[in-house]
């Protein structure tokens, strides 16, 4: 089951569970659409994988399986797309 991280790992923007701005790679690295399309050039800086929109968990299932509250943020600035 997806963890549904609460923020962009690059800019720390809030990405609530119902956000259509959240993008994930195969390892669930989570970034906002602005960082993915701009700074990251569509590639995950952690694994070099591609991104897909993160699915939205239905509210009745979110109550049963809540999203993560653990924020993950890069210690160093996110790279710029080459």
PDB file of N, CA and C in Angstrom:
ATOM      1  N   UNK A   1       0.838  -1.165   0.000  1.00  0.00           N
ATOM      2  CA  UNK A   1       0.000   0.000   0.000  1.00  0.00           C
ATOM      3  C   UNK A   1       0.896   1.245   0.000  1.00  0.00           C
ATOM      4  N   UNK A   2       0.495   2.255  -0.753  1.00  0.00           N
ATOM      5  CA  UNK A   2       1.263   3.495  -0.818  1.00  0.00           C
ATOM      6  C   UNK A   2       1.277   4.208   0.529  1.00  0.00           C
ATOM      7  N   UNK A   3       2.414   4.806   0.842  1.00  0.00           N
ATOM      8  CA  UNK A   3       2.583   5.520   2.111  1.00  0.00           C
ATOM      9  C   UNK A   3       1.880   6.878   2.082  1.00  0.00           C
ATOM     10  N   UNK A   4       1.804   7.515   0.926  1.00  0.00           N
ATOM     11  CA  UNK A   4       1.217   8.860   0.766  1.00  0.00           C
ATOM     12  C   UNK A   4       1.960   9.875   1.630  1.00  0.00           C
ATOM     13  N   UNK A   5       3.202  10.123   1.255  1.00  0.00           N
ATOM     14  CA  UNK A   5       4.022  11.099   1.993  1.00  0.00           C
ATOM     15  C   UNK A   5       3.389  12.485   1.898  1.00  0.00           C
ATOM     16  N   UNK A   6       3.555  13.295   2.954  1.00  0.00           N
ATOM     17  CA  UNK A   6       2.834  14.561   3.053  1.00  0.00           C
ATOM     18  C   UNK A   6       3.472  15.775   2.391  1.00  0.00           C
ATOM     19  N   UNK A   7       4.633  15.599   1.738  1.00  0.00           N
ATOM     20  CA  UNK A   7       5.314  16.785   1.202  1.00  0.00           C
ATOM     21  C   UNK A   7       6.226  16.443   0.036  1.00  0.00           C
ATOM     22  N   UNK A   8       6.630  17.485  -0.680  1.00  0.00           N
ATOM     23  CA  UNK A   8       7.604  17.359  -1.759  1.00  0.00           C
ATOM     24  C   UNK A   8       8.986  17.245  -1.136  1.00  0.00           C
ATOM     25  N   UNK A   9       9.742  16.249  -1.547  1.00  0.00           N
ATOM     26  CA  UNK A   9      11.091  16.049  -1.014  1.00  0.00           C
ATOM     27  C   UNK A   9      12.050  17.146  -1.443  1.00  0.00           C
ATOM     28  N   UNK A  10      11.704  17.901  -2.462  1.00  0.00           N
ATOM     29  CA  UNK A  10      12.584  18.935  -2.990  1.00  0.00           C
ATOM     30  C   UNK A  10      12.281  20.302  -2.355  1.00  0.00           C
ATOM     31  N   UNK A  11      11.062  20.796  -2.494  1.00  0.00           N
ATOM     32  CA  UNK A  11      10.729  22.149  -2.025  1.00  0.00           C
ATOM     33  C   UNK A  11       9.925  22.158  -0.728  1.00  0.00           C
ATOM     34  N   UNK A  12       9.572  20.989  -0.213  1.00  0.00           N
ATOM     35  CA  UNK A  12       8.820  20.827   1.034  1.00  0.00           C
ATOM     36  C   UNK A  12       7.383  21.329   0.954  1.00  0.00           C
ATOM     37  N   UNK A  13       6.848  21.485  -0.248  1.00  0.00           N
ATOM     38  CA  UNK A  13       5.446  21.879  -0.426  1.00  0.00           C
ATOM     39  C   UNK A  13       4.545  20.803   0.164  1.00  0.00           C
ATOM     40  N   UNK A  14       3.482  21.220   0.838  1.00  0.00           N
ATOM     41  CA  UNK A  14       2.508  20.272   1.373  1.00  0.00           C
ATOM     42  C   UNK A  14       1.802  19.552   0.234  1.00  0.00           C
ATOM     43  N   UNK A  15       1.692  18.239   0.360  1.00  0.00           N
ATOM     44  CA  UNK A  15       0.992  17.407  -0.609  1.00  0.00           C
ATOM     45  C   UNK A  15       0.020  16.503   0.138  1.00  0.00           C
ATOM     46  N   UNK A  16      -1.163  17.031   0.477  1.00  0.00           N
ATOM     47  CA  UNK A  16      -2.130  16.231   1.220  1.00  0.00           C
ATOM     48  C   UNK A  16      -2.550  14.994   0.423  1.00  0.00           C
ATOM     49  N   UNK A  17      -3.162  14.017   1.075  1.00  0.00           N
ATOM     50  CA  UNK A  17      -3.505  12.760   0.411  1.00  0.00           C
ATOM     51  C   UNK A  17      -4.376  12.918  -0.841  1.00  0.00           C
ATOM     52  N   UNK A  18      -5.138  13.996  -0.914  1.00  0.00           N
ATOM     53  CA  UNK A  18      -6.014  14.188  -2.077  1.00  0.00           C
ATOM     54  C   UNK A  18      -5.396  15.104  -3.138  1.00  0.00           C
ATOM     55  N   UNK A  19      -4.121  15.406  -3.009  1.00  0.00           N
ATOM     56  CA  UNK A  19      -3.450  16.313  -3.942  1.00  0.00           C
ATOM     57  C   UNK A  19      -3.271  15.675  -5.315  1.00  0.00           C
ATOM     58  N   UNK A  20      -3.614  16.425  -6.342  1.00  0.00           N
ATOM     59  CA  UNK A  20      -3.380  15.996  -7.732  1.00  0.00           C
ATOM     60  C   UNK A  20      -2.012  16.502  -8.210  1.00  0.00           C
ATOM     61  N   UNK A  21      -1.283  17.186  -7.332  1.00  0.00           N
ATOM     62  CA  UNK A  21       0.044  17.715  -7.654  1.00  0.00           C
ATOM     63  C   UNK A  21       1.159  16.741  -7.270  1.00  0.00           C
ATOM     64  N   UNK A  22       0.837  15.700  -6.520  1.00  0.00           N
ATOM     65  CA  UNK A  22       1.848  14.760  -6.042  1.00  0.00           C
ATOM     66  C   UNK A  22       2.251  13.785  -7.138  1.00  0.00           C
ATOM     67  N   UNK A  23       3.562  13.615  -7.299  1.00  0.00           N
ATOM     68  CA  UNK A  23       4.125  12.686  -8.271  1.00  0.00           C
ATOM     69  C   UNK A  23       5.043  11.727  -7.513  1.00  0.00           C
ATOM     70  N   UNK A  24       5.046  10.445  -7.915  1.00  0.00           N
ATOM     71  CA  UNK A  24       5.893   9.454  -7.248  1.00  0.00           C
ATOM     72  C   UNK A  24       6.665   8.637  -8.282  1.00  0.00           C
ATOM     73  N   UNK A  25       7.804   8.110  -7.833  1.00  0.00           N
ATOM     74  CA  UNK A  25       8.563   7.169  -8.653  1.00  0.00           C
ATOM     75  C   UNK A  25       8.244   5.763  -8.142  1.00  0.00           C
ATOM     76  N   UNK A  26       8.922   4.780  -8.681  1.00  0.00           N
ATOM     77  CA  UNK A  26       8.654   3.399  -8.294  1.00  0.00           C
ATOM     78  C   UNK A  26       8.995   3.104  -6.827  1.00  0.00           C
ATOM     79  N   UNK A  27       9.858   3.936  -6.222  1.00  0.00           N
ATOM     80  CA  UNK A  27      10.212   3.760  -4.810  1.00  0.00           C
ATOM     81  C   UNK A  27       9.397   4.663  -3.888  1.00  0.00           C
ATOM     82  N   UNK A  28       8.401   5.327  -4.439  1.00  0.00           N
ATOM     83  CA  UNK A  28       7.537   6.256  -3.711  1.00  0.00           C
ATOM     84  C   UNK A  28       8.229   7.538  -3.283  1.00  0.00           C
ATOM     85  N   UNK A  29       9.365   7.851  -3.906  1.00  0.00           N
ATOM     86  CA  UNK A  29       9.924   9.181  -3.693  1.00  0.00           C
ATOM     87  C   UNK A  29       8.822  10.135  -4.147  1.00  0.00           C
ATOM     88  N   UNK A  30       8.589  11.183  -3.392  1.00  0.00           N
ATOM     89  CA  UNK A  30       7.430  12.039  -3.639  1.00  0.00           C
ATOM     90  C   UNK A  30       7.857  13.481  -3.878  1.00  0.00           C
ATOM     91  N   UNK A  31       7.371  14.040  -4.970  1.00  0.00           N
ATOM     92  CA  UNK A  31       7.701  15.401  -5.363  1.00  0.00           C
ATOM     93  C   UNK A  31       6.452  16.080  -5.921  1.00  0.00           C
ATOM     94  N   UNK A  32       6.443  17.404  -5.890  1.00  0.00           N
ATOM     95  CA  UNK A  32       5.325  18.139  -6.482  1.00  0.00           C
ATOM     96  C   UNK A  32       5.529  18.218  -7.992  1.00  0.00           C
ATOM     97  N   UNK A  33       4.457  18.433  -8.708  1.00  0.00           N
ATOM     98  CA  UNK A  33       4.501  18.498 -10.168  1.00  0.00           C
ATOM     99  C   UNK A  33       5.441  19.604 -10.646  1.00  0.00           C
ATOM    100  N   UNK A  34       5.470  20.751  -9.944  1.00  0.00           N
ATOM    101  CA  UNK A  34       6.344  21.859 -10.349  1.00  0.00           C
ATOM    102  C   UNK A  34       7.814  21.442 -10.316  1.00  0.00           C
ATOM    103  N   UNK A  35       8.247  20.771  -9.254  1.00  0.00           N
ATOM    104  CA  UNK A  35       9.644  20.329  -9.158  1.00  0.00           C
ATOM    105  C   UNK A  35       9.948  19.243 -10.190  1.00  0.00           C
ATOM    106  N   UNK A  36       9.023  18.313 -10.389  1.00  0.00           N
ATOM    107  CA  UNK A  36       9.234  17.238 -11.362  1.00  0.00           C
ATOM    108  C   UNK A  36       9.404  17.813 -12.764  1.00  0.00           C
ATOM    109  N   UNK A  37       8.504  18.708 -13.154  1.00  0.00           N
ATOM    110  CA  UNK A  37       8.543  19.267 -14.508  1.00  0.00           C
ATOM    111  C   UNK A  37       9.664  20.280 -14.691  1.00  0.00           C
ATOM    112  N   UNK A  38      10.023  20.988 -13.631  1.00  0.00           N
ATOM    113  CA  UNK A  38      11.041  22.029 -13.738  1.00  0.00           C
ATOM    114  C   UNK A  38      12.412  21.558 -13.323  1.00  0.00           C
ATOM    115  N   UNK A  39      12.678  21.622 -12.057  1.00  0.00           N
ATOM    116  CA  UNK A  39      14.027  21.337 -11.529  1.00  0.00           C
ATOM    117  C   UNK A  39      14.536  19.942 -11.851  1.00  0.00           C
ATOM    118  N   UNK A  40      13.650  18.955 -11.830  1.00  0.00           N
ATOM    119  CA  UNK A  40      14.100  17.566 -11.943  1.00  0.00           C
ATOM    120  C   UNK A  40      14.038  17.011 -13.359  1.00  0.00           C
ATOM    121  N   UNK A  41      13.418  17.731 -14.269  1.00  0.00           N
ATOM    122  CA  UNK A  41      13.364  17.276 -15.656  1.00  0.00           C
ATOM    123  C   UNK A  41      12.695  15.924 -15.846  1.00  0.00           C
ATOM    124  N   UNK A  42      11.759  15.585 -14.949  1.00  0.00           N
ATOM    125  CA  UNK A  42      11.006  14.342 -15.093  1.00  0.00           C
ATOM    126  C   UNK A  42      11.699  13.087 -14.596  1.00  0.00           C
ATOM    127  N   UNK A  43      12.862  13.220 -13.962  1.00  0.00           N
ATOM    128  CA  UNK A  43      13.598  12.061 -13.447  1.00  0.00           C
ATOM    129  C   UNK A  43      13.838  12.198 -11.954  1.00  0.00           C
ATOM    130  N   UNK A  44      13.658  11.105 -11.234  1.00  0.00           N
ATOM    131  CA  UNK A  44      13.862  11.099  -9.788  1.00  0.00           C
ATOM    132  C   UNK A  44      15.351  11.290  -9.485  1.00  0.00           C
ATOM    133  N   UNK A  45      15.692  12.248  -8.612  1.00  0.00           N
ATOM    134  CA  UNK A  45      17.101  12.457  -8.274  1.00  0.00           C
ATOM    135  C   UNK A  45      17.664  11.346  -7.387  1.00  0.00           C
ATOM    136  N   UNK A  46      16.795  10.529  -6.818  1.00  0.00           N
ATOM    137  CA  UNK A  46      17.246   9.448  -5.937  1.00  0.00           C
ATOM    138  C   UNK A  46      17.534   8.153  -6.688  1.00  0.00           C
ATOM    139  N   UNK A  47      16.699   7.818  -7.684  1.00  0.00           N
ATOM    140  CA  UNK A  47      16.843   6.526  -8.362  1.00  0.00           C
ATOM    141  C   UNK A  47      16.896   6.642  -9.884  1.00  0.00           C
ATOM    142  N   UNK A  48      16.740   7.840 -10.409  1.00  0.00           N
ATOM    143  CA  UNK A  48      16.724   8.112 -11.852  1.00  0.00           C
ATOM    144  C   UNK A  48      15.489   7.566 -12.555  1.00  0.00           C
ATOM    145  N   UNK A  49      14.514   7.119 -11.787  1.00  0.00           N
ATOM    146  CA  UNK A  49      13.284   6.593 -12.370  1.00  0.00           C
ATOM    147  C   UNK A  49      12.346   7.690 -12.848  1.00  0.00           C
ATOM    148  N   UNK A  50      11.338   7.276 -13.589  1.00  0.00           N
ATOM    149  CA  UNK A  50      10.337   8.220 -14.067  1.00  0.00           C
ATOM    150  C   UNK A  50       9.257   8.417 -13.006  1.00  0.00           C
ATOM    151  N   UNK A  51       8.491   9.467 -13.167  1.00  0.00           N
ATOM    152  CA  UNK A  51       7.413   9.791 -12.239  1.00  0.00           C
ATOM    153  C   UNK A  51       6.047   9.512 -12.846  1.00  0.00           C
ATOM    154  N   UNK A  52       5.106   9.227 -11.966  1.00  0.00           N
ATOM    155  CA  UNK A  52       3.706   9.068 -12.325  1.00  0.00           C
ATOM    156  C   UNK A  52       2.882   9.843 -11.305  1.00  0.00           C
ATOM    157  N   UNK A  53       1.690  10.292 -11.681  1.00  0.00           N
ATOM    158  CA  UNK A  53       0.833  10.944 -10.685  1.00  0.00           C
ATOM    159  C   UNK A  53       0.525   9.967  -9.545  1.00  0.00           C
ATOM    160  N   UNK A  54       0.574  10.473  -8.328  1.00  0.00           N
ATOM    161  CA  UNK A  54       0.241   9.627  -7.182  1.00  0.00           C
ATOM    162  C   UNK A  54      -1.271   9.452  -7.118  1.00  0.00           C
ATOM    163  N   UNK A  55      -1.757   8.226  -6.993  1.00  0.00           N
ATOM    164  CA  UNK A  55      -3.201   8.021  -6.889  1.00  0.00           C
ATOM    165  C   UNK A  55      -3.753   8.648  -5.610  1.00  0.00           C
ATOM    166  N   UNK A  56      -5.019   9.014  -5.665  1.00  0.00           N
ATOM    167  CA  UNK A  56      -5.717   9.558  -4.500  1.00  0.00           C
ATOM    168  C   UNK A  56      -6.465   8.417  -3.829  1.00  0.00           C
ATOM    169  N   UNK A  57      -6.215   8.223  -2.550  1.00  0.00           N
ATOM    170  CA  UNK A  57      -6.915   7.184  -1.798  1.00  0.00           C
ATOM    171  C   UNK A  57      -8.322   7.679  -1.461  1.00  0.00           C
ATOM    172  N   UNK A  58      -9.356   6.883  -1.714  1.00  0.00           N
ATOM    173  CA  UNK A  58     -10.720   7.302  -1.397  1.00  0.00           C
ATOM    174  C   UNK A  58     -10.866   7.620   0.099  1.00  0.00           C
ATOM    175  N   UNK A  59     -11.668   8.640   0.425  1.00  0.00           N
ATOM    176  CA  UNK A  59     -11.808   9.057   1.829  1.00  0.00           C
ATOM    177  C   UNK A  59     -12.161   7.932   2.797  1.00  0.00           C
ATOM    178  N   UNK A  60     -13.040   7.024   2.401  1.00  0.00           N
ATOM    179  CA  UNK A  60     -13.424   5.944   3.326  1.00  0.00           C
ATOM    180  C   UNK A  60     -12.252   4.996   3.597  1.00  0.00           C
ATOM    181  N   UNK A  61     -11.339   4.863   2.638  1.00  0.00           N
ATOM    182  CA  UNK A  61     -10.164   4.024   2.844  1.00  0.00           C
ATOM    183  C   UNK A  61      -9.053   4.792   3.559  1.00  0.00           C
ATOM    184  N   UNK A  62      -9.034   6.111   3.378  1.00  0.00           N
ATOM    185  CA  UNK A  62      -8.058   6.942   4.077  1.00  0.00           C
ATOM    186  C   UNK A  62      -8.302   6.894   5.583  1.00  0.00           C
ATOM    187  N   UNK A  63      -9.556   6.787   5.969  1.00  0.00           N
ATOM    188  CA  UNK A  63      -9.882   6.657   7.391  1.00  0.00           C
ATOM    189  C   UNK A  63      -9.343   5.337   7.950  1.00  0.00           C
ATOM    190  N   UNK A  64      -9.407   4.300   7.134  1.00  0.00           N
ATOM    191  CA  UNK A  64      -8.937   2.981   7.562  1.00  0.00           C
ATOM    192  C   UNK A  64      -7.412   2.862   7.469  1.00  0.00           C
ATOM    193  N   UNK A  65      -6.834   3.470   6.430  1.00  0.00           N
ATOM    194  CA  UNK A  65      -5.396   3.422   6.186  1.00  0.00           C
ATOM    195  C   UNK A  65      -4.894   4.846   5.962  1.00  0.00           C
ATOM    196  N   UNK A  66      -4.615   5.583   7.043  1.00  0.00           N
ATOM    197  CA  UNK A  66      -4.226   6.996   6.926  1.00  0.00           C
ATOM    198  C   UNK A  66      -2.893   7.204   6.218  1.00  0.00           C
ATOM    199  N   UNK A  67      -2.760   8.396   5.669  1.00  0.00           N
ATOM    200  CA  UNK A  67      -1.513   8.794   5.010  1.00  0.00           C
ATOM    201  C   UNK A  67      -0.422   9.013   6.050  1.00  0.00           C
ATOM    202  N   UNK A  68       0.807   8.953   5.602  1.00  0.00           N
ATOM    203  CA  UNK A  68       1.950   9.197   6.470  1.00  0.00           C
ATOM    204  C   UNK A  68       1.983  10.663   6.918  1.00  0.00           C
ATOM    205  N   UNK A  69       2.510  10.892   8.084  1.00  0.00           N
ATOM    206  CA  UNK A  69       2.740  12.258   8.573  1.00  0.00           C
ATOM    207  C   UNK A  69       4.238  12.556   8.636  1.00  0.00           C
ATOM    208  N   UNK A  70       5.067  11.591   8.222  1.00  0.00           N
ATOM    209  CA  UNK A  70       6.518  11.732   8.255  1.00  0.00           C
ATOM    210  C   UNK A  70       6.975  12.513   7.022  1.00  0.00           C
ATOM    211  N   UNK A  71       7.559  13.674   7.264  1.00  0.00           N
ATOM    212  CA  UNK A  71       8.043  14.518   6.176  1.00  0.00           C
ATOM    213  C   UNK A  71       9.451  14.080   5.775  1.00  0.00           C
ATOM    214  N   UNK A  72       9.664  13.939   4.471  1.00  0.00           N
ATOM    215  CA  UNK A  72      10.967  13.595   3.913  1.00  0.00           C
ATOM    216  C   UNK A  72      11.401  14.798   3.093  1.00  0.00           C
ATOM    217  N   UNK A  73      12.590  15.305   3.389  1.00  0.00           N
ATOM    218  CA  UNK A  73      13.066  16.496   2.680  1.00  0.00           C
ATOM    219  C   UNK A  73      14.560  16.352   2.434  1.00  0.00           C
ATOM    220  N   UNK A  74      14.996  16.686   1.235  1.00  0.00           N
ATOM    221  CA  UNK A  74      16.415  16.585   0.874  1.00  0.00           C
ATOM    222  C   UNK A  74      17.258  17.485   1.769  1.00  0.00           C
ATOM    223  N   UNK A  75      18.363  16.951   2.269  1.00  0.00           N
ATOM    224  CA  UNK A  75      19.266  17.746   3.091  1.00  0.00           C
ATOM    225  C   UNK A  75      20.049  18.741   2.243  1.00  0.00           C
ATOM    226  N   UNK A  76      20.296  18.376   0.995  1.00  0.00           N
ATOM    227  CA  UNK A  76      21.001  19.255   0.065  1.00  0.00           C
ATOM    228  C   UNK A  76      19.989  19.754  -0.970  1.00  0.00           C
ATOM    229  N   UNK A  77      20.262  20.893  -1.583  1.00  0.00           N
ATOM    230  CA  UNK A  77      19.335  21.422  -2.582  1.00  0.00           C
ATOM    231  C   UNK A  77      19.089  20.418  -3.704  1.00  0.00           C
ATOM    232  N   UNK A  78      17.872  20.378  -4.205  1.00  0.00           N
ATOM    233  CA  UNK A  78      17.555  19.511  -5.329  1.00  0.00           C
ATOM    234  C   UNK A  78      18.346  19.947  -6.550  1.00  0.00           C
ATOM    235  N   UNK A  79      18.749  18.978  -7.344  1.00  0.00           N
ATOM    236  CA  UNK A  79      19.498  19.322  -8.555  1.00  0.00           C
ATOM    237  C   UNK A  79      18.605  19.998  -9.575  1.00  0.00           C
ATOM    238  N   UNK A  80      19.197  20.730 -10.464  1.00  0.00           N
ATOM    239  CA  UNK A  80      18.473  21.301 -11.592  1.00  0.00           C
ATOM    240  C   UNK A  80      18.604  20.344 -12.760  1.00  0.00           C
ATOM    241  N   UNK A  81      17.572  20.331 -13.599  1.00  0.00           N
ATOM    242  CA  UNK A  81      17.604  19.461 -14.780  1.00  0.00           C
ATOM    243  C   UNK A  81      18.789  19.840 -15.667  1.00  0.00           C
ATOM    244  N   UNK A  82      19.424  18.836 -16.195  1.00  0.00           N
ATOM    245  CA  UNK A  82      20.598  19.081 -17.063  1.00  0.00           C
ATOM    246  C   UNK A  82      20.191  19.500 -18.451  1.00  0.00           C
TER     247      UNK A  82
END
